[in-house]
Every structure is written in C-alpha cells, then in structure tokens.
Protein backbone atom coordinates (compact mmCIF):
# COMPACT_ATOMS: atom_id res chain seq x y z
CA ASP A 1 17.82 0.29 2.08
CA PHE A 2 14.79 1.93 4.15
CA GLY A 3 14.74 -0.02 6.94
CA ALA A 4 12.38 -2.35 6.37
CA VAL A 5 12.56 -6.30 7.45
CA GLY A 6 10.73 -8.78 5.67
CA ASP A 7 10.09 -11.54 8.63
CA GLY A 8 6.14 -10.99 8.58
CA LYS A 9 6.37 -9.47 12.21
CA THR A 10 8.14 -6.43 11.40
CA LEU A 11 5.82 -2.85 10.65
CA ASN A 12 7.27 -1.48 7.24
CA THR A 13 4.70 1.29 6.51
CA LYS A 14 7.00 4.11 7.16
CA ALA A 15 9.86 2.26 5.33
CA PHE A 16 7.60 1.69 2.41
CA ASN A 17 6.49 5.22 2.69
CA SER A 18 9.81 6.06 3.02
CA ALA A 19 11.34 4.34 0.01
CA ILE A 20 8.40 5.56 -2.36
CA THR A 21 8.84 9.15 -1.05
CA LYS A 22 12.72 8.71 -2.22
CA LEU A 23 11.94 7.15 -5.30
CA SER A 24 9.65 9.77 -6.29
CA GLN A 25 11.68 12.42 -6.91
CA TYR A 26 13.06 10.33 -10.08
CA ALA A 27 9.39 9.75 -11.11
CA ASN A 28 9.33 12.22 -13.88
CA ASP A 29 12.82 11.21 -14.95
CA GLY A 30 12.00 8.18 -16.79
CA GLY A 31 10.33 6.77 -13.66
CA ALA A 32 10.52 4.99 -10.29
CA LEU A 33 10.89 1.86 -9.27
CA LEU A 34 10.51 0.11 -5.96
CA ILE A 35 12.12 -3.88 -6.10
CA VAL A 36 10.41 -5.27 -2.68
CA PRO A 37 13.10 -9.07 -2.55
CA PRO A 38 11.62 -12.28 -0.46
CA GLY A 39 10.18 -12.06 2.38
CA LYS A 40 7.17 -11.22 4.58
CA TRP A 41 6.43 -7.79 4.13
CA LEU A 42 4.01 -6.41 6.92
CA THR A 43 2.64 -2.62 6.28
CA GLY A 44 -0.43 -0.39 6.45
CA SER A 45 -1.17 1.23 4.00
CA PHE A 46 1.02 3.41 1.63
CA ASN A 47 0.75 5.85 -1.17
CA LEU A 48 1.95 5.27 -4.40
CA THR A 49 2.89 7.96 -7.05
CA SER A 50 2.55 8.43 -10.61
CA HIS A 51 5.45 6.93 -13.15
CA PHE A 52 6.35 4.58 -10.43
CA THR A 53 6.67 0.89 -10.77
CA LEU A 54 6.08 -1.19 -8.09
CA PHE A 55 8.62 -4.72 -8.51
CA LEU A 56 7.62 -7.92 -6.50
CA GLN A 57 10.44 -10.43 -6.47
CA LYS A 58 9.83 -14.07 -6.03
CA ASP A 59 8.53 -15.11 -3.06
CA ALA A 60 7.80 -11.53 -2.47
CA VAL A 61 4.68 -11.28 -0.25
CA ILE A 62 2.73 -8.03 0.99
CA LEU A 63 1.22 -8.77 4.19
CA GLY A 64 -1.86 -6.04 5.50
CA SER A 65 -1.62 -5.39 8.79
CA GLN A 66 -4.78 -6.74 10.96
CA ASP A 67 -4.21 -3.41 13.47
CA GLU A 68 -7.03 -0.94 12.61
CA ALA A 69 -4.56 2.15 13.63
CA ASP A 70 -2.72 1.36 10.24
CA TRP A 71 -4.96 1.97 7.96
CA PRO A 72 -5.82 6.13 7.62
CA GLU A 73 -9.63 7.01 7.58
CA LEU A 74 -10.36 8.64 4.73
CA PRO A 75 -12.10 12.20 3.97
CA VAL A 76 -15.90 11.51 3.51
CA LEU A 77 -17.03 11.86 0.04
CA PRO A 78 -20.12 13.46 -1.09
CA SER A 79 -21.59 9.84 -3.06
CA TYR A 80 -19.49 8.06 0.15
CA GLY A 81 -20.91 9.61 3.54
CA LYS A 82 -21.10 7.45 6.93
CA GLY A 83 -24.56 5.83 6.86
CA ARG A 84 -26.15 2.11 6.89
CA ASP A 85 -23.38 0.68 5.31
CA ALA A 86 -20.24 2.47 6.08
CA THR A 87 -20.64 3.47 9.70
CA ASP A 88 -17.24 3.74 10.48
CA GLY A 89 -16.55 6.10 7.30
CA ARG A 90 -13.75 4.60 4.74
CA LEU A 91 -10.48 3.39 5.13
CA SER A 92 -7.44 3.16 2.94
CA SER A 93 -7.07 0.84 0.96
CA LEU A 94 -3.43 -1.33 1.20
CA ILE A 95 -1.85 -0.04 -2.09
CA PHE A 96 -3.17 3.51 -1.95
CA GLY A 97 -2.98 6.49 -4.39
CA THR A 98 -5.40 9.30 -6.10
CA ASN A 99 -5.31 10.84 -9.39
CA LEU A 100 -1.88 8.83 -10.76
CA THR A 101 -0.82 8.02 -13.91
CA ASP A 102 1.33 5.34 -14.87
CA ILE A 103 1.45 2.81 -12.61
CA ILE A 104 2.75 -1.12 -12.76
CA ILE A 105 2.57 -3.63 -10.05
CA THR A 106 4.52 -6.88 -11.27
CA GLY A 107 6.56 -9.66 -10.39
CA ASN A 108 5.89 -12.87 -9.29
CA TYR A 109 4.76 -12.18 -5.50
CA LEU A 110 1.63 -12.54 -3.48
CA VAL A 111 -0.40 -9.84 -1.72
CA ASP A 112 -2.08 -11.15 1.42
CA ASN A 113 -4.75 -8.78 2.47
CA VAL A 114 -7.48 -10.44 4.46
CA MET A 115 -8.16 -8.41 6.92
CA THR A 116 -10.27 -9.45 10.44
CA ARG A 117 -12.78 -6.04 9.45
CA PRO A 118 -14.39 -6.75 6.51
CA SER A 119 -14.48 -2.76 5.15
CA LEU A 120 -10.37 -3.56 5.45
CA ASN A 121 -10.43 -5.69 2.93
CA ILE A 122 -9.57 -3.56 0.08
CA LEU A 123 -6.39 -4.06 -1.56
CA LEU A 124 -5.70 -1.22 -4.10
CA SER A 125 -7.21 1.69 -5.06
CA LEU A 126 -5.86 4.39 -7.90
C-alpha cells in the first residue's frame, strides 16, 4: 500500500511514483506488476520502468490532473524546441518513460486525460 486514494479528488502522483520505484527492483527478475484497483485515481505525470505491467482492474479510472504544476516540463530537444507552435516548451505526458522495453498497459479500464490546455492532452509517451 502506497497511500493512494481512489476518490477522484486526492492527488496520487507520489503514490504511483513510489509504487513504480519499489516495484522496479523486480523488473529484471521476470518483470514488475502494478495492479490498480477500482476507483478514480487522480494523478499528474508518472514514469514507467522497463519490464513493467500496469494492470487496471474493472472500473479503475486514471484521471489526469488539471493542475499544470503536476506536469514536468521536458528538456528542449533540437528537433522540438520552443517556437511558434510550442512557445511554452514540452510537458511530460500522463504516462511517461524513455528508452523502455517490455511495457504492458492492460485491463478493463479508462484513462481520462482531457486537459484544459491542449498541450497536456498527451496520454502516453514511451
């Protein structure tokens, strides 16, 4: 138990990141599995790890936070800098990771990431 509350109001970013960090120690021993039970799990951006399964049980809903502070700004890339179409830079997606292998997101679930700022409407970036 990492202290997450599935009430649709409590921010669970820290709990998701703590669970993923703890479970990542098992990633090279056959893989890690995070089971998200039924509920509405409000969170900002969180990072996955390689050899990882995110399993959302029936009626589990991951809600993307509407607070821009919960979305870290990513470093500027040469091919995607700050310019006419991206004046504020690039923010992390809801479910994020770089250079990962063996990632599974499965279950009977809903991910709701409809944001008030269009640049935050990115669900998954691996």
